[in-house]
Amino acid sequence: MDVLIVSRQFDPPVDFVLVALERLGEHVVRLNSEDFAEHSTTRLALGGSGWSGGSTITASGRVIDLDHVKSVWWRRPQRFIAPNALDEQQRRFAEVELDHAFHGMLAGLSCYWMSHPNALRAGRLKMEQLQRARSFGLEVPRTIVTTDPGTVRAFWQECRGMVVYKTLSTPTLAAENLSSFSVEVLPRTTMTTRLTGAHLEKLDGVRTVPCLFQEYIPKRTEFRVTVVGETLIAIEIDSQSDPTAMDDWRRGVRTPLRVARLPDDVAERCLSFVRSYNLNYSAMDLILTPDGRYVFLENNPNGQFQWLDEALPEARLVASIATHLSRASN
């Protein structure tokens, strides 16, 4: 039986997991979204037990046999690009058809998913996350989403000037689009950004697109909480000891990290939150406040992990992902 990794051509964390799976004796097939249009031949047939057949990736000789897939790691495939020989109208049509064929081929597989595209789609909506986290007993910051500059100013006053801006979409998607998106008030960054008085003077850009603003939560420390199957791995990020990381630990240059243990009730709420989406992998961010409260910020159902393993080998995130994919059975 095969472990299928659905990814893109450049995604370094996939390489590490692939090696770990091969060390466990698994046969791994990697399908990059860039290969599906011009470098594959697909043959599928619907029979009594469902779709059979698969795809052969002609560029590398990889073969995907739907009858022999025991687990799928759905790891950030890109959108499909149709062949350059097509004109614009043909390309649009071809890319929609490619998307339907690709997802249709895989989405019906009855196997272990990390995680199913439907679960990933539901689990990445930040506004719904906050509401759901609160329903599981996790504290969340005061938050607004608005296209009204007056609402932002009122929220600023309510929070006594302690407000941050975040993108609603994922950082990767935002980074890909910010270069062509002109909203003067918003910093051209996907990082969490503290609002200043200068921002308040130039809020007209908020009218262009809905923007998420949150109350700034004071920090004693922060946590990256990664759930793999039923395993919870908490990494404490001492962001407040690193001046470059105080507002957003992703900016950190030398931020101390350590494997930590969350209080049992907080850990169980995090696990229950992830289970509620039917996710088998997720990465969420929490703040521990100076007065001892754990505050949920957001969840990324396909969040990055390799940088943590490189900085903190005892976290063993790559090994945990590989083990769960390897142990899966139909």
Protein backbone atom coordinates (compact mmCIF):
# COMPACT_ATOMS: atom_id res chain seq x y z
CA MET A 1 0.00 0.00 0.00
CA ASP A 2 1.16 3.53 -0.81
CA VAL A 3 1.39 6.79 1.07
CA LEU A 4 0.35 9.57 -1.31
CA ILE A 5 1.67 13.11 -0.78
CA VAL A 6 -0.19 15.79 -2.70
CA SER A 7 1.97 18.91 -2.82
CA ARG A 8 3.82 21.34 -5.07
CA GLN A 9 7.25 21.20 -6.65
CA PHE A 10 8.88 23.46 -4.04
CA ASP A 11 7.83 22.60 -0.49
CA PRO A 12 10.95 21.65 1.55
CA PRO A 13 9.06 20.19 4.56
CA VAL A 14 7.63 17.52 2.24
CA ASP A 15 11.15 16.32 1.44
CA PHE A 16 11.88 15.68 5.12
CA VAL A 17 8.64 13.76 5.70
CA LEU A 18 9.16 11.75 2.52
CA VAL A 19 12.62 10.65 3.72
CA ALA A 20 11.21 9.77 7.16
CA LEU A 21 8.48 7.65 5.54
CA GLU A 22 10.98 5.79 3.37
CA ARG A 23 13.05 5.04 6.47
CA LEU A 24 9.92 3.44 7.92
CA GLY A 25 9.79 1.20 4.87
CA GLU A 26 6.85 2.94 3.18
CA HIS A 27 6.37 3.26 -0.55
CA VAL A 28 5.67 6.95 -1.11
CA VAL A 29 4.19 8.56 -4.21
CA ARG A 30 4.42 12.35 -4.45
CA LEU A 31 2.03 14.17 -6.74
CA ASN A 32 2.82 17.82 -7.43
CA SER A 33 -0.02 19.96 -8.72
CA GLU A 34 2.28 21.39 -11.43
CA ASP A 35 2.67 17.89 -12.91
CA PHE A 36 -0.99 17.11 -13.39
CA ALA A 37 -1.64 19.27 -16.46
CA GLU A 38 1.25 18.58 -18.82
CA HIS A 39 3.17 15.69 -17.26
CA SER A 40 0.59 13.04 -16.44
CA THR A 41 -1.66 10.52 -18.10
CA THR A 42 -4.89 9.70 -16.26
CA ARG A 43 -7.04 6.62 -16.71
CA LEU A 44 -10.07 6.23 -14.41
CA ALA A 45 -13.10 3.96 -14.51
CA LEU A 46 -16.16 3.85 -12.24
CA GLY A 47 -17.03 0.32 -11.16
CA GLY A 48 -19.04 -1.38 -8.47
CA SER A 49 -16.56 -0.48 -5.73
CA GLY A 50 -15.96 3.08 -6.90
CA TRP A 51 -13.30 4.72 -9.05
CA SER A 52 -10.28 2.66 -10.00
CA GLY A 53 -7.18 3.44 -11.99
CA GLY A 54 -5.07 6.52 -11.43
CA SER A 55 -2.39 8.66 -13.01
CA THR A 56 1.10 8.12 -14.35
CA ILE A 57 3.41 11.11 -14.00
CA THR A 58 5.36 10.91 -17.22
CA ALA A 59 8.12 13.28 -16.10
CA SER A 60 9.33 10.92 -13.37
CA GLY A 61 7.62 7.58 -13.81
CA ARG A 62 5.58 7.94 -10.62
CA VAL A 63 2.33 5.98 -10.64
CA ILE A 64 -0.74 6.71 -8.52
CA ASP A 65 -2.96 3.64 -8.20
CA LEU A 66 -6.15 4.52 -6.33
CA ASP A 67 -6.60 0.90 -5.27
CA HIS A 68 -3.29 0.96 -3.38
CA VAL A 69 -3.44 4.22 -1.42
CA LYS A 70 -3.63 3.78 2.36
CA SER A 71 -3.08 7.39 3.39
CA VAL A 72 -3.03 10.84 1.81
CA TRP A 73 -1.15 13.88 3.06
CA TRP A 74 -2.82 16.89 1.41
CA ARG A 75 0.03 19.34 1.69
CA ARG A 76 -0.67 22.70 0.02
CA PRO A 77 -0.98 21.88 -3.69
CA GLN A 78 -1.08 24.96 -5.91
CA ARG A 79 -3.79 25.81 -8.40
CA PHE A 80 -3.41 24.14 -11.75
CA ILE A 81 -1.86 25.94 -14.69
CA ALA A 82 -3.08 24.91 -18.12
CA PRO A 83 -0.61 24.45 -21.01
CA ASN A 84 0.70 27.68 -22.53
CA ALA A 85 -0.43 26.59 -26.00
CA LEU A 86 -4.06 27.34 -25.08
CA ASP A 87 -5.59 30.77 -25.48
CA GLU A 88 -6.93 32.65 -22.44
CA GLN A 89 -10.50 31.36 -22.67
CA GLN A 90 -9.34 27.80 -23.23
CA ARG A 91 -6.94 28.07 -20.29
CA ARG A 92 -9.70 29.18 -17.91
CA PHE A 93 -11.87 26.27 -18.98
CA ALA A 94 -8.98 23.78 -18.82
CA GLU A 95 -7.93 24.89 -15.34
CA VAL A 96 -11.46 24.43 -13.98
CA GLU A 97 -11.63 20.97 -15.56
CA LEU A 98 -8.21 20.07 -14.17
CA ASP A 99 -9.31 21.12 -10.71
CA HIS A 100 -12.48 19.02 -10.88
CA ALA A 101 -10.66 15.97 -12.24
CA PHE A 102 -7.82 16.19 -9.71
CA HIS A 103 -10.06 16.67 -6.69
CA GLY A 104 -12.63 14.22 -7.97
CA MET A 105 -9.99 11.54 -8.44
CA LEU A 106 -8.75 11.81 -4.87
CA ALA A 107 -11.55 13.18 -2.72
CA GLY A 108 -13.54 9.95 -2.79
CA LEU A 109 -10.69 7.81 -1.47
CA SER A 110 -11.70 5.90 1.63
CA CYS A 111 -8.41 6.08 3.49
CA TYR A 112 -6.58 8.05 6.17
CA TRP A 113 -6.35 11.75 5.32
CA MET A 114 -4.05 14.38 6.74
CA SER A 115 -6.35 16.12 6.14
CA HIS A 116 -9.28 15.89 3.72
CA PRO A 117 -9.66 19.00 1.51
CA ASN A 118 -13.20 19.57 2.79
CA ALA A 119 -11.94 19.64 6.38
CA LEU A 120 -9.05 21.93 5.44
CA ARG A 121 -11.40 24.34 3.69
CA ALA A 122 -13.67 24.58 6.73
CA GLY A 123 -10.80 24.78 9.21
CA ARG A 124 -8.97 27.76 7.73
CA LEU A 125 -11.71 30.41 8.08
CA LYS A 126 -10.43 32.74 10.79
CA MET A 127 -13.76 34.31 11.64
CA GLU A 128 -15.44 30.94 12.18
CA GLN A 129 -12.39 29.66 14.09
CA LEU A 130 -12.73 32.37 16.71
CA GLN A 131 -16.39 31.62 17.26
CA ARG A 132 -15.75 27.88 17.46
CA ALA A 133 -12.76 28.25 19.79
CA ARG A 134 -14.91 30.23 22.19
CA SER A 135 -17.58 27.48 22.08
CA PHE A 136 -14.91 25.03 23.31
CA GLY A 137 -14.07 27.26 26.25
CA LEU A 138 -11.00 28.96 24.80
CA GLU A 139 -10.66 32.69 25.39
CA VAL A 140 -10.36 34.80 22.22
CA PRO A 141 -9.44 38.49 21.70
CA ARG A 142 -12.06 41.14 20.95
CA THR A 143 -12.20 41.22 17.14
CA ILE A 144 -13.83 43.19 14.35
CA VAL A 145 -13.96 42.67 10.59
CA THR A 146 -14.98 45.79 8.75
CA THR A 147 -14.79 47.98 5.66
CA ASP A 148 -15.80 51.08 7.67
CA PRO A 149 -12.99 53.41 8.83
CA GLY A 150 -15.24 54.83 11.55
CA THR A 151 -15.68 51.38 13.07
CA VAL A 152 -11.91 50.94 13.18
CA ARG A 153 -11.46 54.28 14.98
CA ALA A 154 -14.17 53.39 17.51
CA PHE A 155 -12.56 50.00 18.13
CA TRP A 156 -9.19 51.72 18.59
CA GLN A 157 -10.70 53.92 21.29
CA GLU A 158 -12.45 50.96 22.94
CA CYS A 159 -9.13 49.06 23.09
CA ARG A 160 -7.21 52.17 24.24
CA GLY A 161 -4.98 52.12 21.21
CA MET A 162 -3.96 48.48 21.66
CA VAL A 163 -5.03 47.04 18.28
CA VAL A 164 -3.40 44.79 15.68
CA TYR A 165 -4.19 44.15 12.02
CA LYS A 166 -4.12 40.65 10.45
CA THR A 167 -4.97 39.24 7.07
CA LEU A 168 -8.12 37.12 6.84
CA SER A 169 -6.51 34.77 4.33
CA THR A 170 -3.51 32.56 4.91
CA PRO A 171 -0.09 34.26 5.05
CA THR A 172 1.08 32.41 1.90
CA LEU A 173 -1.92 33.52 -0.13
CA ALA A 174 -1.65 37.06 1.18
CA ALA A 175 2.03 37.24 0.32
CA GLU A 176 1.31 36.12 -3.23
CA ASN A 177 -1.24 38.90 -3.74
CA LEU A 178 -0.04 41.89 -1.70
CA SER A 179 2.37 43.03 -4.38
CA SER A 180 -0.51 43.85 -6.72
CA PHE A 181 -2.98 44.97 -4.06
CA SER A 182 -2.89 48.66 -3.21
CA VAL A 183 -4.48 49.56 0.10
CA GLU A 184 -2.46 52.39 1.55
CA VAL A 185 -3.49 51.96 5.16
CA LEU A 186 -2.35 48.35 5.39
CA PRO A 187 1.33 47.56 5.78
CA ARG A 188 2.59 45.39 2.94
CA THR A 189 3.25 42.43 5.18
CA THR A 190 1.51 39.25 6.21
CA MET A 191 2.76 39.63 9.77
CA THR A 192 0.62 40.77 12.68
CA THR A 193 1.01 44.56 12.77
CA ARG A 194 0.33 46.99 15.61
CA LEU A 195 -1.80 49.94 14.49
CA THR A 196 -0.40 53.38 15.15
CA GLY A 197 -1.86 56.86 15.04
CA ALA A 198 -0.35 57.24 11.57
CA HIS A 199 -2.48 54.33 10.35
CA LEU A 200 -5.61 55.94 11.75
CA GLU A 201 -4.98 59.01 9.63
CA LYS A 202 -5.07 56.94 6.41
CA LEU A 203 -8.00 54.55 6.80
CA ASP A 204 -9.75 55.09 3.47
CA GLY A 205 -8.06 51.98 2.11
CA VAL A 206 -10.09 49.87 4.54
CA ARG A 207 -13.13 50.47 2.32
CA THR A 208 -11.51 48.42 -0.43
CA VAL A 209 -11.55 45.02 1.29
CA PRO A 210 -12.76 43.59 4.64
CA CYS A 211 -10.01 43.90 7.26
CA LEU A 212 -9.59 42.05 10.54
CA PHE A 213 -8.59 44.03 13.61
CA GLN A 214 -8.01 42.54 17.04
CA GLU A 215 -7.40 43.73 20.54
CA TYR A 216 -3.70 43.44 21.33
CA ILE A 217 -3.21 40.82 24.04
CA PRO A 218 -0.31 41.37 26.48
CA LYS A 219 2.04 38.36 26.52
CA ARG A 220 4.07 36.53 29.09
CA THR A 221 4.93 33.96 26.45
CA GLU A 222 3.40 32.27 23.38
CA PHE A 223 2.72 28.72 22.24
CA ARG A 224 2.66 26.97 18.90
CA VAL A 225 0.39 23.98 19.48
CA THR A 226 0.60 21.29 16.80
CA VAL A 227 -1.87 18.42 16.73
CA VAL A 228 -0.93 15.30 14.75
CA GLY A 229 -3.67 12.68 15.01
CA GLU A 230 -4.32 12.46 18.75
CA THR A 231 -0.84 13.74 19.63
CA LEU A 232 -0.47 17.32 20.89
CA ILE A 233 2.96 18.93 20.75
CA ALA A 234 3.25 22.32 22.46
CA ILE A 235 6.25 24.57 21.76
CA GLU A 236 6.75 27.56 24.03
CA ILE A 237 7.99 30.63 22.16
CA ASP A 238 9.61 33.17 24.49
CA SER A 239 8.80 36.05 22.16
CA GLN A 240 9.00 38.73 24.83
CA SER A 241 12.71 38.12 25.41
CA ASP A 242 13.46 38.89 21.75
CA PRO A 243 12.81 42.53 20.73
CA THR A 244 12.37 41.48 17.09
CA ALA A 245 9.59 39.03 17.98
CA MET A 246 7.47 40.86 20.53
CA ASP A 247 4.54 41.69 18.23
CA ASP A 248 4.85 38.65 15.93
CA TRP A 249 7.20 35.76 16.75
CA ARG A 250 7.62 35.02 13.02
CA ARG A 251 9.83 38.13 12.90
CA GLY A 252 12.09 36.68 15.58
CA VAL A 253 15.83 36.50 15.03
CA ARG A 254 16.89 34.59 18.16
CA THR A 255 13.70 33.68 19.96
CA PRO A 256 14.12 30.96 22.63
CA LEU A 257 12.00 27.83 22.08
CA ARG A 258 11.30 24.78 24.21
CA VAL A 259 8.96 21.81 24.28
CA ALA A 260 6.32 22.57 26.91
CA ARG A 261 3.23 21.09 28.53
CA LEU A 262 -0.10 22.90 28.49
CA PRO A 263 -2.51 22.60 31.40
CA ASP A 264 -4.65 19.50 30.88
CA ASP A 265 -7.89 21.46 30.43
CA VAL A 266 -6.34 23.77 27.81
CA ALA A 267 -4.79 20.84 25.94
CA GLU A 268 -8.11 18.98 25.86
CA ARG A 269 -9.92 22.06 24.53
CA CYS A 270 -7.34 22.38 21.75
CA LEU A 271 -7.71 18.70 20.84
CA SER A 272 -11.50 18.93 20.87
CA PHE A 273 -11.37 22.03 18.68
CA VAL A 274 -9.23 20.25 16.06
CA ARG A 275 -11.34 17.06 16.19
CA SER A 276 -14.48 19.09 15.55
CA TYR A 277 -13.16 19.89 12.05
CA ASN A 278 -12.19 16.24 11.36
CA LEU A 279 -8.60 17.38 10.96
CA ASN A 280 -5.67 14.99 11.53
CA TYR A 281 -3.15 17.82 11.55
CA SER A 282 -3.39 21.40 12.75
CA ALA A 283 -1.18 24.17 14.11
CA MET A 284 -2.64 26.80 16.39
CA ASP A 285 -1.25 29.83 18.18
CA LEU A 286 -1.95 30.69 21.82
CA ILE A 287 -0.82 33.48 24.12
CA LEU A 288 -0.18 33.10 27.85
CA THR A 289 -0.92 36.48 29.40
CA PRO A 290 1.00 37.98 32.35
CA ASP A 291 -1.99 37.15 34.61
CA GLY A 292 -2.03 33.48 33.54
CA ARG A 293 -4.80 33.31 30.90
CA TYR A 294 -4.45 31.21 27.74
CA VAL A 295 -5.84 33.10 24.73
CA PHE A 296 -6.50 31.48 21.34
CA LEU A 297 -5.34 33.54 18.35
CA GLU A 298 -5.82 31.37 15.27
CA ASN A 299 -5.53 27.92 13.74
CA ASN A 300 -3.75 26.87 10.55
CA PRO A 301 -4.90 23.40 9.45
CA ASN A 302 -1.84 23.02 7.19
CA GLY A 303 0.63 25.10 9.14
CA GLN A 304 4.41 24.99 8.78
CA PHE A 305 6.42 22.74 11.09
CA GLN A 306 9.88 22.04 9.66
CA TRP A 307 11.40 25.21 11.11
CA LEU A 308 10.45 23.99 14.59
CA ASP A 309 12.12 20.63 14.07
CA GLU A 310 15.27 22.37 12.83
CA ALA A 311 15.38 24.71 15.83
CA LEU A 312 14.16 22.13 18.33
CA PRO A 313 14.88 18.52 17.22
CA GLU A 314 13.25 17.08 20.34
CA ALA A 315 9.87 18.31 19.04
CA ARG A 316 9.98 15.44 16.49
CA LEU A 317 7.22 16.88 14.34
CA VAL A 318 8.49 15.34 11.10
CA ALA A 319 8.73 11.94 12.78
CA SER A 320 5.23 12.28 14.21
CA ILE A 321 3.69 13.15 10.83
CA ALA A 322 5.50 10.28 9.11
CA THR A 323 4.48 7.81 11.83
CA HIS A 324 0.80 8.72 11.60
CA LEU A 325 0.79 8.43 7.81
CA SER A 326 2.63 5.11 8.03
CA ARG A 327 0.35 3.55 10.63
CA ALA A 328 -2.82 4.48 8.76
CA SER A 329 -4.89 1.67 7.31
CA ASN A 330 -7.92 1.52 5.05
